[in-house]
Protein backbone atom coordinates (compact mmCIF):
# COMPACT_ATOMS: atom_id res chain seq x y z
CA UNK A 1 56.09 -134.14 -23.16
CA UNK A 2 53.79 -136.54 -25.02
CA UNK A 3 55.86 -139.51 -23.84
CA UNK A 4 55.53 -138.30 -20.25
CA UNK A 5 51.77 -138.02 -20.66
CA UNK A 6 51.56 -141.53 -22.13
CA UNK A 7 53.63 -142.99 -19.29
CA UNK A 8 51.45 -141.25 -16.68
CA UNK A 9 48.33 -142.52 -18.44
CA UNK A 10 49.67 -146.09 -18.48
CA UNK A 11 50.54 -145.91 -14.79
CA UNK A 12 47.04 -144.61 -14.03
CA UNK A 13 45.51 -147.45 -16.06
CA UNK A 14 47.60 -150.03 -14.19
CA UNK A 15 46.52 -148.59 -10.84
CA UNK A 16 42.84 -148.69 -11.85
CA UNK A 17 43.23 -152.27 -13.05
CA UNK A 18 44.84 -153.30 -9.75
CA UNK A 19 42.06 -151.61 -7.78
CA UNK A 20 39.50 -153.40 -9.91
CA UNK A 21 41.16 -156.73 -9.17
CA UNK A 22 41.70 -156.39 -5.41
CA UNK A 23 38.96 -154.03 -4.14
CA UNK A 24 36.91 -156.97 -2.95
CA UNK A 25 39.77 -158.10 -0.70
CA UNK A 26 39.57 -154.84 1.28
CA UNK A 27 35.79 -155.14 1.43
CA UNK A 28 36.11 -158.73 2.63
CA UNK A 29 38.59 -157.78 5.39
CA UNK A 30 36.36 -154.88 6.49
CA UNK A 31 33.33 -157.19 6.56
CA UNK A 32 35.23 -159.69 8.71
CA UNK A 33 36.15 -156.96 11.19
CA UNK A 34 32.55 -155.75 11.41
CA UNK A 35 31.32 -159.32 11.81
CA UNK A 36 33.87 -160.00 14.55
CA UNK A 37 32.90 -156.81 16.40
CA UNK A 38 29.16 -157.54 16.15
CA UNK A 39 29.65 -161.13 17.29
CA UNK A 40 31.77 -160.15 20.31
CA UNK A 41 29.31 -157.40 21.26
CA UNK A 42 26.45 -159.90 21.19
CA UNK A 43 28.41 -162.48 23.23
CA UNK A 44 29.62 -159.85 25.73
CA UNK A 45 26.08 -158.57 26.25
CA UNK A 46 24.73 -162.08 26.74
CA UNK A 47 27.53 -163.03 29.16
CA UNK A 48 26.95 -159.84 31.16
CA UNK A 49 23.21 -160.50 31.47
CA UNK A 50 23.79 -164.08 32.61
CA UNK A 51 26.84 -163.71 34.85
CA UNK A 52 27.42 -160.15 36.02
CA UNK A 53 25.48 -158.58 38.87
CA UNK A 54 26.74 -155.28 40.20
CA UNK A 55 26.16 -153.57 43.51
CA UNK A 56 26.90 -150.18 45.01
CA UNK A 57 28.67 -150.02 48.36
CA UNK A 58 28.69 -146.83 50.38
CA UNK A 59 31.90 -146.26 52.32
CA UNK A 60 31.12 -145.03 55.84
CA UNK A 61 34.15 -143.24 57.29
CA UNK A 62 35.20 -143.15 60.95
CA UNK A 63 36.21 -139.89 62.62
CA UNK A 64 39.85 -140.86 62.90
CA UNK A 65 41.89 -142.19 60.00
CA UNK A 66 45.54 -142.20 61.01
CA UNK A 67 46.90 -144.21 58.10
CA UNK A 68 49.29 -142.64 55.57
CA UNK A 69 48.08 -142.34 51.99
CA UNK A 70 50.54 -145.05 50.95
CA UNK A 71 48.06 -147.48 52.51
CA UNK A 72 45.43 -146.57 49.91
CA UNK A 73 47.96 -147.35 47.21
CA UNK A 74 48.32 -150.81 48.77
CA UNK A 75 44.53 -151.22 48.76
CA UNK A 76 44.37 -150.57 45.02
CA UNK A 77 47.26 -152.96 44.41
CA UNK A 78 45.24 -155.74 46.06
CA UNK A 79 42.07 -154.73 44.17
CA UNK A 80 44.09 -154.83 40.94
CA UNK A 81 44.76 -158.52 41.52
CA UNK A 82 41.22 -159.22 42.70
CA UNK A 83 39.75 -157.74 39.51
CA UNK A 84 42.32 -159.25 37.15
CA UNK A 85 40.65 -162.21 35.48
CA UNK A 86 41.36 -161.87 31.76
CA UNK A 87 39.60 -164.36 29.46
CA UNK A 88 41.46 -166.88 27.35
CA UNK A 89 40.59 -167.30 23.67
CA UNK A 90 37.88 -169.87 24.36
CA UNK A 91 36.23 -167.74 27.05
CA UNK A 92 36.45 -164.62 24.89
CA UNK A 93 34.94 -165.99 21.67
CA UNK A 94 32.67 -168.81 22.88
CA UNK A 95 31.46 -167.46 26.22
CA UNK A 96 31.76 -163.70 25.70
CA UNK A 97 33.78 -163.12 28.87
CA UNK A 98 35.74 -159.88 29.22
CA UNK A 99 37.73 -158.02 31.86
CA UNK A 100 35.36 -156.35 34.34
CA UNK A 101 35.73 -152.87 35.76
CA UNK A 102 34.75 -151.14 38.99
CA UNK A 103 34.02 -147.49 39.71
CA UNK A 104 35.01 -145.12 42.50
CA UNK A 105 32.55 -142.29 43.11
CA UNK A 106 32.49 -139.16 45.24
CA UNK A 107 29.01 -137.65 45.30
CA UNK A 108 27.22 -134.70 46.82
CA UNK A 109 23.46 -135.03 47.16
CA UNK A 110 22.17 -131.55 47.96
CA UNK A 111 25.32 -130.77 49.92
CA UNK A 112 25.75 -134.15 51.66
CA UNK A 113 29.03 -135.83 50.53
CA UNK A 114 29.21 -139.60 50.04
CA UNK A 115 31.92 -142.08 49.05
CA UNK A 116 30.89 -145.07 46.92
CA UNK A 117 32.47 -148.01 45.14
CA UNK A 118 30.49 -149.92 42.51
CA UNK A 119 31.72 -153.47 41.94
CA UNK A 120 30.72 -156.82 40.44
CA UNK A 121 29.00 -158.82 43.17
CA UNK A 122 31.27 -161.81 42.52
CA UNK A 123 34.34 -159.94 43.81
CA UNK A 124 32.67 -158.33 46.82
CA UNK A 125 34.65 -160.36 49.36
CA UNK A 126 37.93 -159.55 47.63
CA UNK A 127 37.19 -155.82 47.60
CA UNK A 128 35.98 -155.76 51.19
CA UNK A 129 39.03 -157.71 52.37
CA UNK A 130 41.38 -155.30 50.59
CA UNK A 131 39.77 -152.27 52.27
CA UNK A 132 39.17 -153.75 55.73
CA UNK A 133 42.74 -155.04 55.93
CA UNK A 134 44.04 -151.47 55.89
CA UNK A 135 41.01 -149.57 57.24
CA UNK A 136 39.34 -151.84 59.82
CA UNK A 137 37.15 -149.03 61.21
CA UNK A 138 35.49 -148.30 57.87
CA UNK A 139 32.07 -149.76 57.08
CA UNK A 140 30.96 -150.87 53.62
CA UNK A 141 27.18 -150.83 53.32
CA UNK A 142 25.14 -151.88 50.31
CA UNK A 143 23.29 -148.79 49.13
CA UNK A 144 20.62 -147.71 46.69
CA UNK A 145 22.00 -146.23 43.49
CA UNK A 146 21.96 -142.47 44.03
CA UNK A 147 21.54 -141.87 40.29
CA UNK A 148 17.90 -142.96 40.68
CA UNK A 149 17.24 -139.71 42.58
CA UNK A 150 17.41 -137.93 39.23
CA UNK A 151 14.67 -138.25 36.55
CA UNK A 152 15.75 -140.65 33.83
CA UNK A 153 14.62 -138.30 31.06
CA UNK A 154 17.05 -135.54 32.05
CA UNK A 155 17.61 -132.94 30.62
CA UNK A 156 13.98 -131.87 30.63
CA UNK A 157 11.89 -128.80 31.34
CA UNK A 158 12.69 -129.02 35.07
CA UNK A 159 16.27 -130.37 35.20
CA UNK A 160 19.54 -129.42 33.52
CA UNK A 161 23.07 -130.83 33.61
CA UNK A 162 26.67 -130.13 32.66
CA UNK A 163 29.38 -132.76 32.43
CA UNK A 164 32.66 -133.83 30.89
CA UNK A 165 35.28 -136.55 30.84
CA UNK A 166 38.88 -135.78 31.70
CA UNK A 167 41.95 -136.65 29.67
CA UNK A 168 45.72 -136.23 30.12
CA UNK A 169 47.43 -133.45 28.19
CA UNK A 170 50.50 -135.58 27.42
CA UNK A 171 51.04 -139.31 26.97
CA UNK A 172 49.51 -141.24 29.86
CA UNK A 173 52.94 -142.54 30.93
CA UNK A 174 53.70 -139.05 32.28
CA UNK A 175 52.36 -138.95 35.86
CA UNK A 176 50.26 -136.24 37.45
CA UNK A 177 51.27 -134.65 40.74
CA UNK A 178 50.70 -137.32 43.39
CA UNK A 179 50.22 -137.33 47.15
CA UNK A 180 53.98 -137.62 47.76
CA UNK A 181 54.35 -134.03 46.55
CA UNK A 182 51.75 -132.61 48.93
CA UNK A 183 53.59 -133.28 52.18
CA UNK A 184 56.76 -134.64 53.66
CA UNK A 185 55.79 -137.99 55.11
CA UNK A 186 56.94 -138.50 58.68
CA UNK A 187 57.74 -142.20 59.01
CA UNK A 188 57.67 -142.08 62.81
CA UNK A 189 54.30 -140.32 63.01
CA UNK A 190 52.30 -140.64 59.78
CA UNK A 191 49.21 -138.92 61.16
CA UNK A 192 46.44 -137.11 59.32
CA UNK A 193 47.15 -133.71 60.89
CA UNK A 194 50.65 -133.79 59.39
CA UNK A 195 49.28 -134.08 55.88
CA UNK A 196 48.15 -131.51 53.33
CA UNK A 197 45.31 -133.49 51.81
CA UNK A 198 44.13 -132.34 48.35
CA UNK A 199 40.76 -134.07 48.75
CA UNK A 200 39.83 -131.63 51.52
CA UNK A 201 39.06 -128.88 49.01
CA UNK A 202 36.71 -131.15 47.03
CA UNK A 203 34.80 -132.34 50.10
CA UNK A 204 34.50 -128.80 51.44
CA UNK A 205 33.33 -127.32 48.14
CA UNK A 206 30.76 -129.98 47.22
CA UNK A 207 29.28 -129.79 50.72
CA UNK A 208 28.27 -126.19 49.97
CA UNK A 209 25.92 -126.93 47.07
CA UNK A 210 22.27 -126.42 47.90
CA UNK A 211 18.86 -128.00 47.68
CA UNK A 212 17.99 -129.39 44.26
CA UNK A 213 21.68 -129.69 43.29
CA UNK A 214 23.72 -132.86 42.76
CA UNK A 215 27.40 -133.23 41.91
CA UNK A 216 28.88 -136.55 40.81
CA UNK A 217 32.55 -137.46 40.36
CA UNK A 218 33.40 -140.88 38.92
CA UNK A 219 36.52 -142.94 38.19
CA UNK A 220 35.96 -146.15 36.19
CA UNK A 221 38.94 -148.50 36.43
CA UNK A 222 39.90 -151.75 34.70
CA UNK A 223 43.04 -153.65 35.73
CA UNK A 224 45.82 -153.15 33.17
CA UNK A 225 46.58 -156.70 32.03
CA UNK A 226 49.28 -155.88 29.48
CA UNK A 227 52.70 -154.23 29.40
CA UNK A 228 51.98 -151.75 26.62
CA UNK A 229 52.29 -148.83 29.03
CA UNK A 230 55.71 -150.13 30.10
CA UNK A 231 56.90 -150.17 26.49
CA UNK A 232 55.52 -146.68 25.90
CA UNK A 233 57.25 -145.49 29.05
CA UNK A 234 60.59 -146.89 27.90
CA UNK A 235 60.22 -145.11 24.55
CA UNK A 236 59.55 -141.80 26.30
CA UNK A 237 62.49 -142.31 28.69
CA UNK A 238 64.85 -143.11 25.81
CA UNK A 239 63.62 -140.06 23.94
CA UNK A 240 64.00 -137.75 26.95
CA UNK A 241 67.41 -139.22 27.77
CA UNK A 242 68.52 -138.65 24.17
CA UNK A 243 69.63 -142.25 23.92
CA UNK A 244 70.42 -143.32 20.36
CA UNK A 245 67.96 -145.72 18.81
CA UNK A 246 69.26 -149.24 18.19
CA UNK A 247 70.91 -149.38 14.78
CA UNK A 248 68.90 -151.28 12.19
CA UNK A 249 70.66 -154.18 10.54
CA UNK A 250 71.38 -153.18 6.96
CA UNK A 251 70.40 -155.41 4.08
CA UNK A 252 72.95 -156.97 1.76
CA UNK A 253 71.90 -154.50 -0.94
CA UNK A 254 72.43 -151.56 1.41
CA UNK A 255 75.87 -152.83 2.36
CA UNK A 256 76.77 -153.17 -1.33
CA UNK A 257 75.65 -149.59 -2.06
CA UNK A 258 77.68 -148.34 0.90
CA UNK A 259 80.78 -150.12 -0.45
CA UNK A 260 80.25 -148.63 -3.93
CA UNK A 261 79.81 -145.07 -2.63
CA UNK A 262 82.33 -145.00 0.22
CA UNK A 263 84.75 -147.78 -0.61
CA UNK A 264 84.20 -149.40 2.79
CA UNK A 265 81.50 -151.17 4.70
CA UNK A 266 80.69 -152.43 8.15
CA UNK A 267 82.60 -149.66 9.93
CA UNK A 268 80.92 -148.58 13.13
CA UNK A 269 80.61 -144.90 13.75
CA UNK A 270 82.48 -143.68 16.77
CA UNK A 271 80.56 -141.67 19.33
CA UNK A 272 81.72 -138.11 19.57
CA UNK A 273 80.94 -138.02 23.29
CA UNK A 274 82.50 -140.49 25.70
CA UNK A 275 79.91 -139.77 28.40
CA UNK A 276 76.42 -141.26 28.04
CA UNK A 277 73.72 -138.76 26.95
CA UNK A 278 71.97 -139.07 30.35
CA UNK A 279 74.86 -137.14 31.90
CA UNK A 280 73.87 -134.03 29.95
CA UNK A 281 70.29 -133.90 31.27
CA UNK A 282 69.25 -130.88 33.31
CA UNK A 283 67.84 -131.31 36.82
CA UNK A 284 64.30 -130.83 35.49
CA UNK A 285 64.77 -133.33 32.66
CA UNK A 286 66.19 -135.89 35.07
CA UNK A 287 63.17 -135.39 37.35
CA UNK A 288 60.78 -136.08 34.47
CA UNK A 289 62.66 -139.24 33.44
CA UNK A 290 62.60 -140.53 37.02
CA UNK A 291 58.87 -139.79 37.36
CA UNK A 292 58.00 -141.67 34.15
CA UNK A 293 60.14 -144.66 35.17
CA UNK A 294 58.50 -144.78 38.60
CA UNK A 295 54.98 -144.63 37.14
CA UNK A 296 55.40 -147.45 34.63
CA UNK A 297 57.08 -149.62 37.28
CA UNK A 298 53.82 -149.74 39.27
CA UNK A 299 50.60 -151.65 38.83
CA UNK A 300 47.76 -149.66 37.38
CA UNK A 301 44.40 -149.39 35.69
CA UNK A 302 42.94 -148.12 32.44
CA UNK A 303 40.63 -145.36 33.61
CA UNK A 304 37.82 -143.05 32.66
CA UNK A 305 37.33 -139.98 34.84
CA UNK A 306 34.21 -137.82 34.55
CA UNK A 307 32.08 -135.39 36.50
CA UNK A 308 28.46 -134.27 36.28
CA UNK A 309 26.66 -131.34 37.82
CA UNK A 310 22.88 -131.77 37.83
CA UNK A 311 20.26 -129.45 39.27
CA UNK A 312 16.72 -128.26 38.98
CA UNK A 313 16.67 -125.29 36.62
CA UNK A 314 15.64 -122.85 39.34
CA UNK A 315 18.61 -124.05 41.45
CA UNK A 316 21.18 -124.46 38.66
CA UNK A 317 24.26 -122.41 39.65
CA UNK A 318 26.72 -122.54 36.76
CA UNK A 319 29.95 -121.91 38.78
CA UNK A 320 29.35 -125.16 40.71
CA UNK A 321 30.07 -127.21 37.60
CA UNK A 322 33.72 -126.11 37.92
CA UNK A 323 34.22 -127.60 41.41
CA UNK A 324 35.67 -130.92 40.15
CA UNK A 325 37.81 -128.98 37.65
CA UNK A 326 39.32 -126.98 40.51
CA UNK A 327 40.00 -130.24 42.35
CA UNK A 328 41.81 -131.70 39.34
CA UNK A 329 43.93 -128.57 38.93
CA UNK A 330 45.79 -129.46 42.13
CA UNK A 331 47.40 -132.41 40.37
CA UNK A 332 48.45 -130.59 37.21
CA UNK A 333 52.06 -129.69 36.46
CA UNK A 334 53.75 -128.12 33.47
CA UNK A 335 56.74 -130.46 33.37
CA UNK A 336 54.84 -133.73 33.91
CA UNK A 337 51.13 -134.12 33.15
CA UNK A 338 47.74 -132.52 33.61
CA UNK A 339 44.15 -133.72 33.53
CA UNK A 340 41.82 -131.37 31.66
CA UNK A 341 38.22 -131.57 30.38
CA UNK A 342 38.07 -133.59 27.19
CA UNK A 343 36.75 -131.13 24.63
CA UNK A 344 34.78 -133.74 22.65
CA UNK A 345 32.84 -134.83 25.75
CA UNK A 346 31.94 -131.46 27.25
CA UNK A 347 28.17 -130.97 27.16
CA UNK A 348 28.45 -127.91 24.98
CA UNK A 349 27.98 -127.64 21.24
CA UNK A 350 30.33 -125.83 18.90
CA UNK A 351 29.71 -124.11 15.56
CA UNK A 352 27.92 -124.41 13.19
CA UNK A 353 24.70 -123.20 14.80
CA UNK A 354 22.58 -125.87 13.13
CA UNK A 355 20.05 -127.73 15.31
CA UNK A 356 21.96 -126.40 18.31
CA UNK A 357 19.34 -127.26 20.93
CA UNK A 358 18.90 -130.78 19.57
CA UNK A 359 22.64 -131.42 19.43
CA UNK A 360 23.06 -130.17 22.99
CA UNK A 361 20.23 -132.40 24.20
CA UNK A 362 21.79 -135.48 22.58
CA UNK A 363 25.20 -134.68 24.05
CA UNK A 364 23.75 -134.26 27.54
CA UNK A 365 21.76 -137.48 27.22
CA UNK A 366 24.83 -139.38 26.09
CA UNK A 367 26.88 -138.10 29.04
CA UNK A 368 24.12 -138.89 31.54
CA UNK A 369 23.55 -142.42 30.21
CA UNK A 370 27.27 -143.20 30.17
CA UNK A 371 27.57 -142.07 33.76
CA UNK A 372 24.69 -144.12 35.15
CA UNK A 373 25.75 -147.21 33.17
CA UNK A 374 29.41 -146.64 34.14
CA UNK A 375 30.58 -146.90 30.52
CA UNK A 376 33.81 -145.66 28.94
CA UNK A 377 33.59 -142.77 26.43
CA UNK A 378 33.60 -144.93 23.28
CA UNK A 379 31.67 -147.93 24.61
CA UNK A 380 30.91 -150.41 23.09
CA UNK A 381 34.05 -149.61 21.10
CA UNK A 382 37.44 -149.74 22.79
CA UNK A 383 39.59 -146.70 23.52
CA UNK A 384 39.04 -143.42 25.30
CA UNK A 385 40.73 -144.60 28.50
CA UNK A 386 44.20 -143.87 29.86
CA UNK A 387 46.67 -145.58 32.18
CA UNK A 388 46.67 -144.54 35.84
CA UNK A 389 49.08 -146.04 38.37
CA UNK A 390 47.89 -147.15 41.81
CA UNK A 391 49.74 -144.15 43.24
CA UNK A 392 47.80 -141.72 41.05
CA UNK A 393 44.50 -143.46 41.80
CA UNK A 394 45.17 -143.28 45.55
CA UNK A 395 45.89 -139.56 45.17
CA UNK A 396 42.49 -138.84 43.62
CA UNK A 397 40.42 -141.24 45.72
CA UNK A 398 41.18 -141.91 49.38
CA UNK A 399 39.60 -141.56 52.80
CA UNK A 400 40.27 -138.37 54.81
CA UNK A 401 40.08 -138.21 58.57
CA UNK A 402 38.15 -135.49 60.41
CA UNK A 403 41.42 -133.68 61.22
CA UNK A 404 42.05 -132.78 57.57
CA UNK A 405 38.43 -132.80 56.39
CA UNK A 406 36.33 -131.42 59.28
CA UNK A 407 33.32 -130.83 57.00
CA UNK A 408 30.26 -131.38 59.25
CA UNK A 409 28.08 -132.48 56.31
CA UNK A 410 30.29 -135.56 55.79
CA UNK A 411 28.65 -138.22 57.94
CA UNK A 412 31.08 -140.26 60.02
CA UNK A 413 30.87 -143.29 62.27
CA UNK A 414 30.98 -142.14 65.88
CA UNK A 415 31.49 -145.59 67.41
CA UNK A 416 34.84 -147.23 66.84
CA UNK A 417 34.85 -150.93 66.10
CA UNK A 418 36.51 -153.13 68.70
CA UNK A 419 37.74 -156.71 68.41
CA UNK A 420 35.88 -159.38 70.42
CA UNK A 421 37.24 -159.95 73.96
CA UNK A 422 39.92 -162.60 74.25
CA UNK A 423 37.88 -164.38 76.97
CA UNK A 424 34.93 -164.95 74.63
CA UNK A 425 34.33 -168.72 74.41
CA UNK A 426 34.68 -170.22 70.94
CA UNK A 427 32.56 -173.16 69.85
CA UNK A 428 34.63 -176.06 68.58
């Protein structure tokens, strides 16, 4: 027993000695990381102030939109390329350049719905071309930022708010329910009246809020410039398909031990089943595997999705804060994925009941400021976003025609654009 105690004491002494010798290495590495982060934050801020000007475009919808939703998916595919300008090492560390984002916003100002897209001014022509190419009757008009209609010191004695970010329940390579599941697309006649459009419920519900009430729904998107989601998708597919993991190459020592214990080495184990494991999947499992493979095969964006309900205190109607949540529920499935309010971002404080009012105020302020600045949840730190394919993005944000969204409060263009007459003389 005494020998065991002495050995333990010696081991403890060795560990303390090692810590005493190398602790400064960990401190040095941590200091380098903090210095690198602070430097990049400073350079990014400076580059943004000098090079990035953003503008808000309101999307004016015509009465008739006869395009299938697949067209909106094509629009986002073009925007993906127009926004994809990743910096090289020189631009990142010496200029402070980074990958820019844009935001898609559906807003109700006292019951009047609006569609907006907020973009860097430098890519305005690219964005407009992508939309006009598929929706020539739409108008994009530079607009005043609607967030300025709300006092900047909210919440205050007159105004209150409730908000949250959304997050996927499972890994982001599992897709949500997309527009393809809402109707059977008729190739010969892909008209609006043939479609069950999920956005109709959102437009209808937010048009019913009253005076002094505002409801904001926002999707911030940054082009996915890596293949990490593809790798994660393959891992999930292999796991769901019950495919065996690639055998690791054994070391010489491991081979020697195997020979000592079994008397043989290098013999491959024979599979008990001749058929591949995929053949034993149920119909539901096969559907999930196919859905994951389809999602990661598409272009996509790293997204933040959030909603805010703001109102004067005498007009604040608590059930209205759930309108975007009801909209999101349409895309949730048990076997694939769901988008739910992110608990850490909900403007509600949990126990303990210490400084509850102050903590709630700070949480509401943080949510409001992140919305109006169009920041991700952890900004300026990375993270907090998830991968969304162009198909999923088109499902949540697209342009409904009057046939499926007859809401009178949604202002529409009554005059259809026409091309110039062919007889019009052209100056050479």
